[in-house]
């Protein structure tokens, strides 16, 4: 846990969030500033600042985050219509909280290219 990290504080239950999933490796909760009808953040329990900080040992964890996203998409009824998973890396890509997290977006048409 990182002392000043917002997501670590959510993990420690110091800050409340609308949880949609919890397991031994990750949590998922509603984004407080949603960009789509479904906008869920999927966060590993272990503090990792960003994708540049993962190693080969983290491959299973990264896959697990994607599987959680697919499970939530199925439960939300957006699996068939389509959804997007986004992992921003660095300030220039829009990462504002430096605890690795995956965005699950869906429930509306998503244009390409993003941004």
Protein backbone atom coordinates (compact mmCIF):
# COMPACT_ATOMS: atom_id res chain seq x y z
CA UNK A 1 0.00 0.00 0.00
CA UNK A 2 1.16 3.49 -0.86
CA UNK A 3 0.31 6.03 1.82
CA UNK A 4 -1.05 8.82 -0.40
CA UNK A 5 -2.59 6.66 -3.13
CA UNK A 6 -6.35 7.15 -3.60
CA UNK A 7 -6.90 3.57 -4.78
CA UNK A 8 -4.86 2.14 -1.89
CA UNK A 9 -7.10 4.13 0.45
CA UNK A 10 -10.19 2.66 -1.25
CA UNK A 11 -8.64 -0.81 -0.89
CA UNK A 12 -8.07 -0.12 2.81
CA UNK A 13 -11.72 1.01 3.10
CA UNK A 14 -10.63 4.48 4.24
CA UNK A 15 -12.59 5.94 1.32
CA UNK A 16 -15.88 4.48 0.16
CA UNK A 17 -16.58 3.45 -3.40
CA UNK A 18 -19.50 1.72 -5.11
CA UNK A 19 -17.98 -1.76 -5.40
CA UNK A 20 -19.06 -4.08 -8.18
CA UNK A 21 -16.44 -6.82 -7.72
CA UNK A 22 -13.96 -8.00 -5.11
CA UNK A 23 -11.63 -10.99 -5.08
CA UNK A 24 -8.20 -11.84 -3.71
CA UNK A 25 -6.35 -10.07 -6.56
CA UNK A 26 -8.52 -7.13 -7.58
CA UNK A 27 -11.46 -4.88 -6.84
CA UNK A 28 -13.76 -3.06 -9.24
CA UNK A 29 -15.88 -0.02 -8.58
CA UNK A 30 -17.92 2.63 -10.39
CA UNK A 31 -15.95 5.61 -11.72
CA UNK A 32 -17.04 8.83 -10.00
CA UNK A 33 -16.77 10.72 -13.30
CA UNK A 34 -18.27 8.23 -15.78
CA UNK A 35 -17.57 8.66 -19.48
CA UNK A 36 -20.15 6.04 -20.51
CA UNK A 37 -23.23 4.41 -18.96
CA UNK A 38 -20.91 1.64 -17.76
CA UNK A 39 -17.60 3.02 -16.50
CA UNK A 40 -15.96 0.72 -13.98
CA UNK A 41 -12.38 0.85 -12.69
CA UNK A 42 -10.66 -2.50 -12.10
CA UNK A 43 -7.76 -2.15 -9.69
CA UNK A 44 -5.21 -4.72 -8.49
CA UNK A 45 -4.93 -5.06 -4.73
CA UNK A 46 -1.15 -4.75 -4.97
CA UNK A 47 0.07 -1.21 -5.59
CA UNK A 48 1.72 -0.95 -9.00
CA UNK A 49 2.21 2.62 -10.24
CA UNK A 50 1.56 1.84 -13.91
CA UNK A 51 2.11 -0.53 -16.79
CA UNK A 52 5.77 0.51 -17.04
CA UNK A 53 6.25 -0.95 -13.56
CA UNK A 54 5.03 -4.49 -14.22
CA UNK A 55 7.28 -7.46 -14.79
CA UNK A 56 6.90 -10.89 -16.33
CA UNK A 57 5.57 -12.16 -12.99
CA UNK A 58 2.60 -9.79 -13.37
CA UNK A 59 1.29 -11.34 -16.60
CA UNK A 60 -1.33 -13.42 -14.79
CA UNK A 61 -2.50 -10.38 -12.82
CA UNK A 62 -2.92 -8.31 -16.01
CA UNK A 63 -4.89 -11.15 -17.57
CA UNK A 64 -7.02 -11.39 -14.44
CA UNK A 65 -7.95 -7.70 -14.71
CA UNK A 66 -9.16 -8.29 -18.27
CA UNK A 67 -11.15 -11.37 -17.21
CA UNK A 68 -12.82 -9.36 -14.45
CA UNK A 69 -13.72 -6.72 -17.05
CA UNK A 70 -15.30 -9.38 -19.28
CA UNK A 71 -17.28 -10.80 -16.34
CA UNK A 72 -18.61 -7.37 -15.38
CA UNK A 73 -19.49 -6.63 -19.02
CA UNK A 74 -21.49 -9.85 -19.11
CA UNK A 75 -23.32 -9.01 -15.89
CA UNK A 76 -24.07 -5.48 -17.16
CA UNK A 77 -25.49 -6.79 -20.44
CA UNK A 78 -22.93 -5.04 -22.66
CA UNK A 79 -20.87 -8.05 -23.74
CA UNK A 80 -22.84 -8.57 -26.94
CA UNK A 81 -23.14 -4.93 -27.98
CA UNK A 82 -19.49 -4.24 -27.22
CA UNK A 83 -17.29 -2.57 -24.66
CA UNK A 84 -13.79 -1.18 -24.34
CA UNK A 85 -11.03 -1.75 -21.82
CA UNK A 86 -8.45 1.02 -21.44
CA UNK A 87 -5.23 1.10 -19.47
CA UNK A 88 -3.72 4.60 -19.53
CA UNK A 89 0.04 4.77 -18.92
CA UNK A 90 1.62 8.08 -17.96
CA UNK A 91 0.32 11.62 -17.70
CA UNK A 92 0.44 12.16 -21.47
CA UNK A 93 -2.02 9.28 -21.92
CA UNK A 94 -4.39 10.57 -19.26
CA UNK A 95 -3.26 8.57 -16.24
CA UNK A 96 -4.11 10.75 -13.25
CA UNK A 97 -3.93 8.18 -10.44
CA UNK A 98 -0.66 6.30 -10.34
CA UNK A 99 -2.00 2.94 -9.24
CA UNK A 100 -2.47 0.67 -12.24
CA UNK A 101 -6.15 0.42 -13.19
CA UNK A 102 -8.22 -0.76 -16.10
CA UNK A 103 -11.25 1.19 -17.31
CA UNK A 104 -14.27 -0.77 -18.52
CA UNK A 105 -16.45 1.43 -20.76
CA UNK A 106 -19.67 0.49 -22.51
CA UNK A 107 -23.38 0.99 -22.85
CA UNK A 108 -23.08 3.49 -25.72
CA UNK A 109 -21.32 3.65 -29.07
CA UNK A 110 -17.59 4.17 -28.70
CA UNK A 111 -15.84 5.93 -31.55
CA UNK A 112 -12.43 5.14 -33.02
CA UNK A 113 -9.90 6.54 -32.75
CA UNK A 114 -10.37 7.57 -29.12
CA UNK A 115 -9.09 10.86 -27.74
